[in-house]
C-alpha atoms as a PDB file:
ATOM      1  CA  MET A   1     -36.363 199.780 -11.055  1.00  0.00           C
ATOM      2  CA  MET A   2     -32.907 198.271 -10.438  1.00  0.00           C
ATOM      3  CA  LYS A   3     -32.246 194.974 -12.125  1.00  0.00           C
ATOM      4  CA  GLN A   4     -30.545 192.245 -10.132  1.00  0.00           C
ATOM      5  CA  ARG A   5     -27.190 191.532 -11.784  1.00  0.00           C
ATOM      6  CA  MET A   6     -25.270 188.257 -11.977  1.00  0.00           C
ATOM      7  CA  ARG A   7     -22.198 186.979 -13.738  1.00  0.00           C
ATOM      8  CA  ILE A   8     -22.629 184.810 -16.813  1.00  0.00           C
ATOM      9  CA  GLY A   9     -21.301 181.766 -14.954  1.00  0.00           C
ATOM     10  CA  ASP A  10     -23.946 182.176 -12.259  1.00  0.00           C
ATOM     11  CA  LEU A  11     -26.609 182.629 -14.921  1.00  0.00           C
ATOM     12  CA  THR A  12     -25.651 179.459 -16.781  1.00  0.00           C
ATOM     13  CA  GLU A  13     -25.430 177.471 -13.555  1.00  0.00           C
ATOM     14  CA  GLN A  14     -28.880 178.561 -12.385  1.00  0.00           C
ATOM     15  CA  ALA A  15     -30.453 178.057 -15.822  1.00  0.00           C
ATOM     16  CA  LYS A  16     -28.657 174.714 -16.306  1.00  0.00           C
ATOM     17  CA  VAL A  17     -27.346 175.707 -19.744  1.00  0.00           C
ATOM     18  CA  THR A  18     -23.893 176.291 -21.177  1.00  0.00           C
ATOM     19  CA  GLN A  19     -22.358 179.637 -22.048  1.00  0.00           C
ATOM     20  CA  ARG A  20     -22.397 178.442 -25.643  1.00  0.00           C
ATOM     21  CA  THR A  21     -26.187 178.012 -25.425  1.00  0.00           C
ATOM     22  CA  VAL A  22     -26.554 181.547 -24.060  1.00  0.00           C
ATOM     23  CA  ARG A  23     -24.403 182.944 -26.876  1.00  0.00           C
ATOM     24  CA  SER A  24     -26.397 180.967 -29.445  1.00  0.00           C
ATOM     25  CA  TYR A  25     -29.714 182.211 -28.049  1.00  0.00           C
ATOM     26  CA  GLU A  26     -28.360 185.776 -28.101  1.00  0.00           C
ATOM     27  CA  TYR A  27     -27.242 185.347 -31.708  1.00  0.00           C
ATOM     28  CA  ILE A  28     -30.644 184.114 -32.915  1.00  0.00           C
ATOM     29  CA  GLY A  29     -32.572 186.727 -30.927  1.00  0.00           C
ATOM     30  CA  LEU A  30     -34.066 184.650 -28.112  1.00  0.00           C
ATOM     31  CA  LEU A  31     -32.067 186.593 -25.517  1.00  0.00           C
ATOM     32  CA  PRO A  32     -30.799 190.170 -25.373  1.00  0.00           C
ATOM     33  CA  PRO A  33     -27.013 190.468 -25.702  1.00  0.00           C
ATOM     34  CA  THR A  34     -24.915 190.070 -22.572  1.00  0.00           C
ATOM     35  CA  GLU A  35     -23.680 193.386 -21.218  1.00  0.00           C
ATOM     36  CA  HIS A  36     -19.924 193.751 -20.845  1.00  0.00           C
ATOM     37  CA  GLU A  37     -18.723 195.733 -17.847  1.00  0.00           C
ATOM     38  CA  GLY A  38     -14.990 195.846 -18.572  1.00  0.00           C
ATOM     39  CA  HIS A  39     -12.119 193.794 -17.230  1.00  0.00           C
ATOM     40  CA  GLY A  40     -13.593 190.735 -18.943  1.00  0.00           C
ATOM     41  CA  TYR A  41     -16.744 190.715 -16.802  1.00  0.00           C
ATOM     42  CA  HIS A  42     -20.017 189.841 -18.492  1.00  0.00           C
ATOM     43  CA  ASN A  43     -23.101 190.491 -16.426  1.00  0.00           C
ATOM     44  CA  SER A  44     -26.627 189.268 -16.981  1.00  0.00           C
ATOM     45  CA  SER A  45     -29.923 190.133 -15.386  1.00  0.00           C
ATOM     46  CA  GLU A  46     -32.602 188.180 -13.578  1.00  0.00           C
ATOM     47  CA  GLU A  47     -34.775 188.857 -16.634  1.00  0.00           C
ATOM     48  CA  LYS A  48     -32.352 186.850 -18.772  1.00  0.00           C
ATOM     49  CA  LEU A  49     -32.583 183.967 -16.299  1.00  0.00           C
ATOM     50  CA  ALA A  50     -36.391 184.132 -16.484  1.00  0.00           C
ATOM     51  CA  ARG A  51     -36.211 184.073 -20.304  1.00  0.00           C
ATOM     52  CA  LEU A  52     -33.893 181.036 -20.236  1.00  0.00           C
ATOM     53  CA  ARG A  53     -36.329 179.224 -17.963  1.00  0.00           C
ATOM     54  CA  LYS A  54     -39.270 180.139 -20.227  1.00  0.00           C
ATOM     55  CA  ILE A  55     -37.319 178.920 -23.285  1.00  0.00           C
ATOM     56  CA  ASP A  56     -36.752 175.613 -21.507  1.00  0.00           C
ATOM     57  CA  GLN A  57     -40.482 175.333 -20.729  1.00  0.00           C
ATOM     58  CA  PHE A  58     -41.349 175.951 -24.365  1.00  0.00           C
ATOM     59  CA  LYS A  59     -38.757 173.414 -25.530  1.00  0.00           C
ATOM     60  CA  GLN A  60     -40.236 170.817 -23.160  1.00  0.00           C
ATOM     61  CA  LEU A  61     -43.611 171.449 -24.821  1.00  0.00           C
ATOM     62  CA  GLY A  62     -42.007 170.610 -28.165  1.00  0.00           C
ATOM     63  CA  LEU A  63     -41.732 174.093 -29.643  1.00  0.00           C
ATOM     64  CA  SER A  64     -38.869 174.705 -32.063  1.00  0.00           C
ATOM     65  CA  LEU A  65     -36.487 177.613 -31.500  1.00  0.00           C
ATOM     66  CA  ASP A  66     -38.195 179.466 -34.371  1.00  0.00           C
ATOM     67  CA  GLU A  67     -41.579 178.969 -32.702  1.00  0.00           C
ATOM     68  CA  ILE A  68     -40.138 180.075 -29.364  1.00  0.00           C
ATOM     69  CA  ARG A  69     -38.762 183.203 -31.006  1.00  0.00           C
ATOM     70  CA  ASP A  70     -42.328 183.987 -32.145  1.00  0.00           C
ATOM     71  CA  VAL A  71     -43.754 183.833 -28.612  1.00  0.00           C
ATOM     72  CA  ILE A  72     -40.942 184.589 -26.153  1.00  0.00           C
ATOM     73  CA  ASP A  73     -41.327 188.369 -26.222  1.00  0.00           C
ATOM     74  CA  LEU A  74     -45.089 188.060 -25.738  1.00  0.00           C
ATOM     75  CA  SER A  75     -44.406 186.177 -22.512  1.00  0.00           C
ATOM     76  CA  PHE A  76     -42.620 189.189 -21.051  1.00  0.00           C
ATOM     77  CA  THR A  77     -44.931 191.978 -22.210  1.00  0.00           C
ATOM     78  CA  GLY A  78     -48.411 192.827 -21.043  1.00  0.00           C
ATOM     79  CA  SER A  79     -49.911 191.888 -17.737  1.00  0.00           C
ATOM     80  CA  SER A  80     -52.447 189.234 -18.679  1.00  0.00           C
ATOM     81  CA  GLY A  81     -50.277 186.739 -20.527  1.00  0.00           C
ATOM     82  CA  ILE A  82     -53.316 185.738 -22.598  1.00  0.00           C
ATOM     83  CA  GLN A  83     -51.789 186.547 -25.990  1.00  0.00           C
ATOM     84  CA  PRO A  84     -48.694 184.334 -25.576  1.00  0.00           C
ATOM     85  CA  LYS A  85     -50.792 181.513 -24.147  1.00  0.00           C
ATOM     86  CA  GLN A  86     -53.168 181.656 -27.106  1.00  0.00           C
ATOM     87  CA  LYS A  87     -50.258 181.648 -29.550  1.00  0.00           C
ATOM     88  CA  VAL A  88     -48.574 178.730 -27.752  1.00  0.00           C
ATOM     89  CA  LEU A  89     -51.862 176.812 -27.733  1.00  0.00           C
ATOM     90  CA  ALA A  90     -52.208 177.368 -31.486  1.00  0.00           C
ATOM     91  CA  ILE A  91     -48.684 176.026 -32.022  1.00  0.00           C
ATOM     92  CA  LEU A  92     -49.388 173.027 -29.784  1.00  0.00           C
ATOM     93  CA  ARG A  93     -52.619 172.284 -31.674  1.00  0.00           C
ATOM     94  CA  LYS A  94     -50.608 172.311 -34.887  1.00  0.00           C
ATOM     95  CA  HIS A  95     -48.064 169.917 -33.319  1.00  0.00           C
ATOM     96  CA  LEU A  96     -50.883 167.629 -32.176  1.00  0.00           C
ATOM     97  CA  ALA A  97     -52.425 167.566 -35.658  1.00  0.00           C
ATOM     98  CA  GLU A  98     -49.038 166.685 -37.150  1.00  0.00           C
ATOM     99  CA  ALA A  99     -48.492 163.938 -34.551  1.00  0.00           C
ATOM    100  CA  ASP A 100     -51.962 162.527 -35.320  1.00  0.00           C
ATOM    101  CA  ARG A 101     -51.125 162.501 -39.034  1.00  0.00           C
ATOM    102  CA  LYS A 102     -47.803 160.743 -38.407  1.00  0.00           C
ATOM    103  CA  PHE A 103     -49.510 158.240 -36.112  1.00  0.00           C
ATOM    104  CA  GLY A 104     -52.056 157.465 -38.833  1.00  0.00           C
ATOM    105  CA  ASP A 105     -49.237 156.965 -41.339  1.00  0.00           C
ATOM    106  CA  LEU A 106     -47.441 154.636 -38.923  1.00  0.00           C
ATOM    107  CA  GLN A 107     -50.587 152.610 -38.304  1.00  0.00           C
ATOM    108  CA  ALA A 108     -51.114 152.259 -42.059  1.00  0.00           C
ATOM    109  CA  ASN A 109     -47.519 151.029 -42.426  1.00  0.00           C
ATOM    110  CA  ILE A 110     -47.976 148.520 -39.604  1.00  0.00           C
ATOM    111  CA  GLU A 111     -51.100 147.160 -41.271  1.00  0.00           C
ATOM    112  CA  ARG A 112     -49.241 146.839 -44.603  1.00  0.00           C
ATOM    113  CA  PHE A 113     -46.364 144.990 -42.903  1.00  0.00           C
ATOM    114  CA  GLU A 114     -48.763 142.669 -41.101  1.00  0.00           C
ATOM    115  CA  ARG A 115     -50.551 141.816 -44.381  1.00  0.00           C
ATOM    116  CA  PHE A 116     -47.220 141.274 -46.118  1.00  0.00           C
ATOM    117  CA  LEU A 117     -45.945 138.968 -43.332  1.00  0.00           C
ATOM    118  CA  ALA A 118     -49.227 137.062 -43.231  1.00  0.00           C
ATOM    119  CA  ALA A 119     -49.062 136.507 -47.004  1.00  0.00           C
ATOM    120  CA  LYS A 120     -45.429 135.341 -46.837  1.00  0.00           C
ATOM    121  CA  GLN A 121     -46.146 132.957 -43.969  1.00  0.00           C
ATOM    122  CA  GLN A 122     -48.782 131.179 -46.057  1.00  0.00           C
ATOM    123  CA  LEU A 123     -46.240 130.298 -48.751  1.00  0.00           C
END
């Protein structure tokens, strides 16, 4: 199967990221390295564009780059996609539990501040 090829500039334009972002993602293992074809040309594949779009989706869900690294390959292997979805759901449940905990802490702080202000207003 022949992969559709594109220049790095076209890739970054379509994915709405910078070349620096692409290089960073390559460095930390979220993307495969860009292939060099001589004469200063750097070509990328449609698969890399799909991975950049999937990374953006995961970031919008609140996943960290480390968490994305744990699930990105699963998103591009296998036909069902069930395994990556289950892993992402587990991560999102963990995020929700942490947000609930932080919300509870914030509510407790608000109540303390309200009691403090009420006590000071009575002086």
